[in-house]
Amino acid sequence: MKLRKFTIADASLERSPGQEADIFVGNLVDERQGGPITIGYGRYAPHQSLAETMAVDDVMIVLEGRLTVSTEAGTIVAGASDIVYMPKGEAVTIRTDEEGALTAYVTYPHWQPAHA
């Protein structure tokens, strides 16, 4: 794989697998390109909630809006330019308020095979 630059316009956003919420993801780099990580964008509509146990290590960068991420250990609020690390095995609930959010993410290893 060669050096690349991406923008949100490059992402083909689809509903997050297995979810009913208005949460959409679009991988830009994943196992199909032969790299060790997945890179993409996520768009969370206002007033959404996603609860899952992390199948991979996930780093989420908030680009716009705000998210609340809760675990048994506590709750954090992340806004534009904040980075959230969610380790594999952690049970998380991600919520948006009236703003919704746009994020970028990096996972290791690839998240889609982990959800299959």
N, C-alpha and C. Protein backbone atom coordinates (compact mmCIF):
# COMPACT_ATOMS: atom_id res chain seq x y z
N MET A 1 0.85 -1.18 0.00
CA MET A 1 0.00 0.00 0.00
C MET A 1 0.88 1.23 0.00
N LYS A 2 0.47 2.24 -0.72
CA LYS A 2 1.26 3.46 -0.83
C LYS A 2 0.70 4.57 0.06
N LEU A 3 1.46 5.63 0.19
CA LEU A 3 1.05 6.81 0.95
C LEU A 3 -0.27 7.32 0.40
N ARG A 4 -1.21 7.63 1.31
CA ARG A 4 -2.55 8.09 0.91
C ARG A 4 -3.02 9.19 1.82
N LYS A 5 -3.89 10.03 1.31
CA LYS A 5 -4.59 11.06 2.10
C LYS A 5 -6.09 10.84 1.85
N PHE A 6 -6.90 10.98 2.93
CA PHE A 6 -8.33 10.75 2.81
C PHE A 6 -9.11 11.94 3.34
N THR A 7 -10.33 12.12 2.82
CA THR A 7 -11.30 13.06 3.36
C THR A 7 -12.62 12.31 3.54
N ILE A 8 -13.55 12.91 4.22
CA ILE A 8 -14.86 12.28 4.45
C ILE A 8 -15.53 11.98 3.11
N ALA A 9 -15.27 12.78 2.07
CA ALA A 9 -15.87 12.54 0.75
C ALA A 9 -15.41 11.21 0.16
N ASP A 10 -14.28 10.68 0.60
CA ASP A 10 -13.77 9.40 0.10
C ASP A 10 -14.50 8.20 0.71
N ALA A 11 -15.20 8.40 1.80
CA ALA A 11 -15.82 7.29 2.53
C ALA A 11 -17.21 6.99 2.00
N SER A 12 -17.50 5.71 1.84
CA SER A 12 -18.83 5.25 1.50
C SER A 12 -19.47 4.78 2.81
N LEU A 13 -20.27 5.65 3.43
CA LEU A 13 -20.82 5.37 4.75
C LEU A 13 -22.01 4.41 4.67
N GLU A 14 -21.98 3.38 5.52
CA GLU A 14 -23.06 2.40 5.62
C GLU A 14 -23.45 2.24 7.08
N ARG A 15 -24.67 1.81 7.32
CA ARG A 15 -25.12 1.60 8.71
C ARG A 15 -24.16 0.64 9.41
N SER A 16 -23.81 0.98 10.63
CA SER A 16 -22.91 0.15 11.42
C SER A 16 -23.50 -1.25 11.53
N PRO A 17 -22.72 -2.30 11.22
CA PRO A 17 -23.25 -3.67 11.21
C PRO A 17 -23.91 -4.09 12.52
N GLY A 18 -25.08 -4.70 12.39
CA GLY A 18 -25.79 -5.22 13.55
C GLY A 18 -26.48 -4.17 14.40
N GLN A 19 -26.54 -2.93 13.91
CA GLN A 19 -27.12 -1.85 14.70
C GLN A 19 -28.38 -1.31 14.03
N GLU A 20 -29.31 -0.85 14.85
CA GLU A 20 -30.53 -0.22 14.36
C GLU A 20 -30.41 1.30 14.37
N ALA A 21 -29.45 1.82 15.11
CA ALA A 21 -29.30 3.26 15.29
C ALA A 21 -28.82 3.93 14.00
N ASP A 22 -28.97 5.23 13.93
CA ASP A 22 -28.46 6.01 12.79
C ASP A 22 -26.99 6.32 13.01
N ILE A 23 -26.19 5.27 12.91
CA ILE A 23 -24.74 5.35 13.05
C ILE A 23 -24.15 4.68 11.82
N PHE A 24 -23.31 5.43 11.11
CA PHE A 24 -22.78 4.97 9.84
C PHE A 24 -21.26 4.97 9.86
N VAL A 25 -20.66 3.98 9.21
CA VAL A 25 -19.20 3.86 9.16
C VAL A 25 -18.77 3.65 7.72
N GLY A 26 -17.54 4.06 7.44
CA GLY A 26 -16.98 3.85 6.12
C GLY A 26 -15.49 3.60 6.20
N ASN A 27 -15.09 2.36 5.97
CA ASN A 27 -13.67 2.03 5.97
C ASN A 27 -13.00 2.60 4.73
N LEU A 28 -11.81 3.14 4.93
CA LEU A 28 -10.99 3.61 3.82
C LEU A 28 -9.79 2.71 3.60
N VAL A 29 -9.29 2.13 4.68
CA VAL A 29 -8.21 1.15 4.63
C VAL A 29 -8.64 -0.01 5.52
N ASP A 30 -8.52 -1.23 5.01
CA ASP A 30 -8.83 -2.41 5.82
C ASP A 30 -8.08 -3.61 5.25
N GLU A 31 -8.52 -4.80 5.61
CA GLU A 31 -7.81 -6.01 5.21
C GLU A 31 -7.71 -6.16 3.68
N ARG A 32 -8.60 -5.54 2.95
CA ARG A 32 -8.57 -5.65 1.48
C ARG A 32 -7.34 -5.00 0.86
N GLN A 33 -6.75 -4.02 1.55
CA GLN A 33 -5.54 -3.37 1.06
C GLN A 33 -4.27 -4.00 1.64
N GLY A 34 -4.42 -4.97 2.53
CA GLY A 34 -3.28 -5.69 3.06
C GLY A 34 -2.58 -5.03 4.23
N GLY A 35 -3.12 -3.94 4.77
CA GLY A 35 -2.51 -3.30 5.93
C GLY A 35 -2.92 -3.98 7.23
N PRO A 36 -2.23 -3.69 8.33
CA PRO A 36 -2.53 -4.33 9.61
C PRO A 36 -3.66 -3.65 10.41
N ILE A 37 -4.12 -2.48 9.95
CA ILE A 37 -5.13 -1.71 10.69
C ILE A 37 -6.30 -1.36 9.77
N THR A 38 -7.39 -0.93 10.39
CA THR A 38 -8.52 -0.37 9.66
C THR A 38 -8.60 1.11 9.99
N ILE A 39 -8.81 1.93 8.96
CA ILE A 39 -8.95 3.38 9.11
C ILE A 39 -10.26 3.77 8.43
N GLY A 40 -11.04 4.65 9.07
CA GLY A 40 -12.28 5.09 8.43
C GLY A 40 -12.92 6.24 9.16
N TYR A 41 -14.12 6.58 8.72
CA TYR A 41 -14.92 7.64 9.31
C TYR A 41 -16.20 7.05 9.87
N GLY A 42 -16.74 7.71 10.90
CA GLY A 42 -18.03 7.35 11.46
C GLY A 42 -18.90 8.59 11.58
N ARG A 43 -20.18 8.45 11.29
CA ARG A 43 -21.12 9.55 11.45
C ARG A 43 -22.25 9.08 12.35
N TYR A 44 -22.44 9.81 13.46
CA TYR A 44 -23.47 9.52 14.45
C TYR A 44 -24.53 10.60 14.36
N ALA A 45 -25.76 10.22 14.07
CA ALA A 45 -26.86 11.18 14.05
C ALA A 45 -27.14 11.65 15.48
N PRO A 46 -27.87 12.75 15.65
CA PRO A 46 -28.22 13.21 17.00
C PRO A 46 -29.03 12.16 17.76
N HIS A 47 -28.85 12.14 19.08
CA HIS A 47 -29.62 11.30 20.00
C HIS A 47 -29.55 9.81 19.68
N GLN A 48 -28.35 9.31 19.42
CA GLN A 48 -28.16 7.89 19.13
C GLN A 48 -27.40 7.23 20.27
N SER A 49 -27.53 5.91 20.35
CA SER A 49 -26.83 5.14 21.37
C SER A 49 -26.37 3.82 20.77
N LEU A 50 -25.12 3.46 21.06
CA LEU A 50 -24.53 2.21 20.58
C LEU A 50 -23.86 1.54 21.76
N ALA A 51 -24.27 0.31 22.08
CA ALA A 51 -23.67 -0.44 23.18
C ALA A 51 -23.05 -1.70 22.61
N GLU A 52 -21.78 -1.92 22.91
CA GLU A 52 -21.13 -3.15 22.48
C GLU A 52 -19.87 -3.40 23.28
N THR A 53 -19.43 -4.64 23.23
CA THR A 53 -18.14 -5.01 23.80
C THR A 53 -17.13 -4.96 22.67
N MET A 54 -16.06 -4.21 22.87
CA MET A 54 -15.09 -3.99 21.81
C MET A 54 -14.43 -5.29 21.39
N ALA A 55 -14.53 -5.62 20.10
CA ALA A 55 -13.92 -6.83 19.56
C ALA A 55 -12.47 -6.60 19.16
N VAL A 56 -12.07 -5.33 19.07
CA VAL A 56 -10.71 -4.93 18.68
C VAL A 56 -10.32 -3.71 19.49
N ASP A 57 -9.05 -3.35 19.46
CA ASP A 57 -8.62 -2.07 20.03
C ASP A 57 -9.04 -0.97 19.06
N ASP A 58 -9.71 0.06 19.57
CA ASP A 58 -10.29 1.10 18.74
C ASP A 58 -9.87 2.48 19.24
N VAL A 59 -9.35 3.29 18.34
CA VAL A 59 -9.02 4.68 18.63
C VAL A 59 -9.99 5.52 17.80
N MET A 60 -10.75 6.40 18.46
CA MET A 60 -11.73 7.24 17.80
C MET A 60 -11.35 8.71 18.01
N ILE A 61 -11.26 9.46 16.92
CA ILE A 61 -10.95 10.88 16.97
C ILE A 61 -12.23 11.63 16.63
N VAL A 62 -12.69 12.49 17.53
CA VAL A 62 -13.90 13.27 17.28
C VAL A 62 -13.51 14.48 16.43
N LEU A 63 -14.12 14.58 15.26
CA LEU A 63 -13.84 15.67 14.34
C LEU A 63 -14.85 16.81 14.48
N GLU A 64 -16.11 16.43 14.69
CA GLU A 64 -17.20 17.40 14.86
C GLU A 64 -18.17 16.85 15.88
N GLY A 65 -18.87 17.76 16.58
CA GLY A 65 -19.89 17.34 17.52
C GLY A 65 -19.32 16.85 18.84
N ARG A 66 -20.09 15.99 19.50
CA ARG A 66 -19.70 15.50 20.82
C ARG A 66 -20.29 14.12 21.06
N LEU A 67 -19.51 13.28 21.77
CA LEU A 67 -19.91 11.93 22.15
C LEU A 67 -19.73 11.74 23.64
N THR A 68 -20.55 10.90 24.23
CA THR A 68 -20.34 10.45 25.59
C THR A 68 -20.05 8.95 25.52
N VAL A 69 -18.96 8.53 26.13
CA VAL A 69 -18.58 7.12 26.14
C VAL A 69 -18.58 6.65 27.59
N SER A 70 -19.39 5.62 27.87
CA SER A 70 -19.53 5.11 29.23
C SER A 70 -19.05 3.67 29.31
N THR A 71 -18.39 3.33 30.44
CA THR A 71 -18.00 1.97 30.76
C THR A 71 -18.31 1.76 32.23
N GLU A 72 -18.02 0.57 32.75
CA GLU A 72 -18.21 0.33 34.19
C GLU A 72 -17.33 1.27 35.01
N ALA A 73 -16.20 1.68 34.44
CA ALA A 73 -15.23 2.52 35.16
C ALA A 73 -15.63 3.99 35.21
N GLY A 74 -16.58 4.42 34.35
CA GLY A 74 -16.97 5.82 34.35
C GLY A 74 -17.42 6.28 32.99
N THR A 75 -17.57 7.60 32.86
CA THR A 75 -18.07 8.23 31.64
C THR A 75 -17.15 9.38 31.26
N ILE A 76 -16.88 9.48 29.96
CA ILE A 76 -16.14 10.62 29.45
C ILE A 76 -16.95 11.30 28.36
N VAL A 77 -16.75 12.59 28.21
CA VAL A 77 -17.36 13.36 27.14
C VAL A 77 -16.22 13.80 26.23
N ALA A 78 -16.37 13.54 24.95
CA ALA A 78 -15.33 13.88 23.98
C ALA A 78 -15.92 14.79 22.91
N GLY A 79 -15.23 15.90 22.66
CA GLY A 79 -15.64 16.84 21.63
C GLY A 79 -14.58 16.94 20.55
N ALA A 80 -14.79 17.87 19.63
CA ALA A 80 -13.90 18.04 18.49
C ALA A 80 -12.44 18.12 18.93
N SER A 81 -11.61 17.33 18.31
CA SER A 81 -10.16 17.20 18.50
C SER A 81 -9.79 16.28 19.66
N ASP A 82 -10.78 15.71 20.36
CA ASP A 82 -10.49 14.74 21.42
C ASP A 82 -10.31 13.35 20.83
N ILE A 83 -9.50 12.54 21.51
CA ILE A 83 -9.23 11.17 21.10
C ILE A 83 -9.70 10.23 22.20
N VAL A 84 -10.43 9.19 21.83
CA VAL A 84 -10.92 8.20 22.79
C VAL A 84 -10.32 6.84 22.43
N TYR A 85 -9.73 6.18 23.42
CA TYR A 85 -9.20 4.83 23.22
C TYR A 85 -10.12 3.85 23.93
N MET A 86 -10.59 2.85 23.17
CA MET A 86 -11.47 1.82 23.71
C MET A 86 -10.77 0.47 23.50
N PRO A 87 -10.24 -0.12 24.58
CA PRO A 87 -9.49 -1.37 24.43
C PRO A 87 -10.38 -2.57 24.14
N LYS A 88 -9.79 -3.54 23.47
CA LYS A 88 -10.47 -4.80 23.19
C LYS A 88 -10.99 -5.40 24.49
N GLY A 89 -12.25 -5.88 24.45
CA GLY A 89 -12.87 -6.50 25.62
C GLY A 89 -13.66 -5.55 26.49
N GLU A 90 -13.51 -4.24 26.30
CA GLU A 90 -14.21 -3.24 27.11
C GLU A 90 -15.66 -3.11 26.64
N ALA A 91 -16.61 -3.18 27.57
CA ALA A 91 -18.02 -2.94 27.25
C ALA A 91 -18.25 -1.43 27.29
N VAL A 92 -18.68 -0.86 26.16
CA VAL A 92 -18.87 0.58 26.06
C VAL A 92 -20.27 0.91 25.57
N THR A 93 -20.73 2.09 25.97
CA THR A 93 -21.94 2.67 25.40
C THR A 93 -21.56 4.04 24.90
N ILE A 94 -21.78 4.28 23.61
CA ILE A 94 -21.48 5.56 22.98
C ILE A 94 -22.80 6.25 22.70
N ARG A 95 -22.91 7.50 23.15
CA ARG A 95 -24.15 8.26 22.96
C ARG A 95 -23.84 9.63 22.36
N THR A 96 -24.79 10.12 21.57
CA THR A 96 -24.68 11.49 21.06
C THR A 96 -25.83 12.31 21.63
N ASP A 97 -25.61 13.62 21.67
CA ASP A 97 -26.67 14.53 22.10
C ASP A 97 -27.31 15.15 20.86
N GLU A 98 -27.81 16.37 20.97
CA GLU A 98 -28.50 17.00 19.84
C GLU A 98 -27.59 17.35 18.68
N GLU A 99 -26.27 17.33 18.88
CA GLU A 99 -25.35 17.66 17.80
C GLU A 99 -25.03 16.49 16.89
N GLY A 100 -25.02 15.27 17.41
CA GLY A 100 -24.48 14.15 16.66
C GLY A 100 -22.96 14.30 16.63
N ALA A 101 -22.28 13.51 15.80
CA ALA A 101 -20.82 13.59 15.75
C ALA A 101 -20.28 12.98 14.46
N LEU A 102 -19.13 13.50 14.05
CA LEU A 102 -18.34 12.93 12.97
C LEU A 102 -17.02 12.51 13.58
N THR A 103 -16.62 11.27 13.34
CA THR A 103 -15.38 10.74 13.91
C THR A 103 -14.51 10.13 12.82
N ALA A 104 -13.25 9.96 13.16
CA ALA A 104 -12.34 9.12 12.38
C ALA A 104 -11.92 8.01 13.33
N TYR A 105 -11.61 6.84 12.79
CA TYR A 105 -11.21 5.74 13.66
C TYR A 105 -10.06 4.95 13.07
N VAL A 106 -9.32 4.33 13.98
CA VAL A 106 -8.27 3.39 13.63
C VAL A 106 -8.47 2.19 14.55
N THR A 107 -8.52 0.99 13.96
CA THR A 107 -8.67 -0.20 14.79
C THR A 107 -7.54 -1.19 14.49
N TYR A 108 -7.22 -1.97 15.52
CA TYR A 108 -6.27 -3.07 15.37
C TYR A 108 -6.79 -4.26 16.15
N PRO A 109 -6.90 -5.41 15.57
CA PRO A 109 -6.78 -5.63 14.12
C PRO A 109 -8.03 -5.10 13.43
N HIS A 110 -8.34 -5.62 12.26
CA HIS A 110 -9.50 -5.16 11.49
C HIS A 110 -10.80 -5.49 12.22
N TRP A 111 -11.70 -4.52 12.30
CA TRP A 111 -12.93 -4.73 13.07
C TRP A 111 -13.96 -5.57 12.34
N GLN A 112 -14.05 -5.49 11.01
CA GLN A 112 -15.11 -6.24 10.33
C GLN A 112 -14.95 -7.75 10.47
N PRO A 113 -13.76 -8.33 10.29
CA PRO A 113 -13.65 -9.78 10.53
C PRO A 113 -13.98 -10.16 11.98
N ALA A 114 -13.70 -9.26 12.92
CA ALA A 114 -13.98 -9.54 14.33
C ALA A 114 -15.48 -9.58 14.59
N HIS A 115 -16.28 -8.87 13.77
CA HIS A 115 -17.74 -8.86 13.92
C HIS A 115 -18.41 -9.95 13.12
N ALA A 116 -17.68 -10.62 12.26
CA ALA A 116 -18.29 -11.63 11.38
C ALA A 116 -18.71 -12.87 12.13
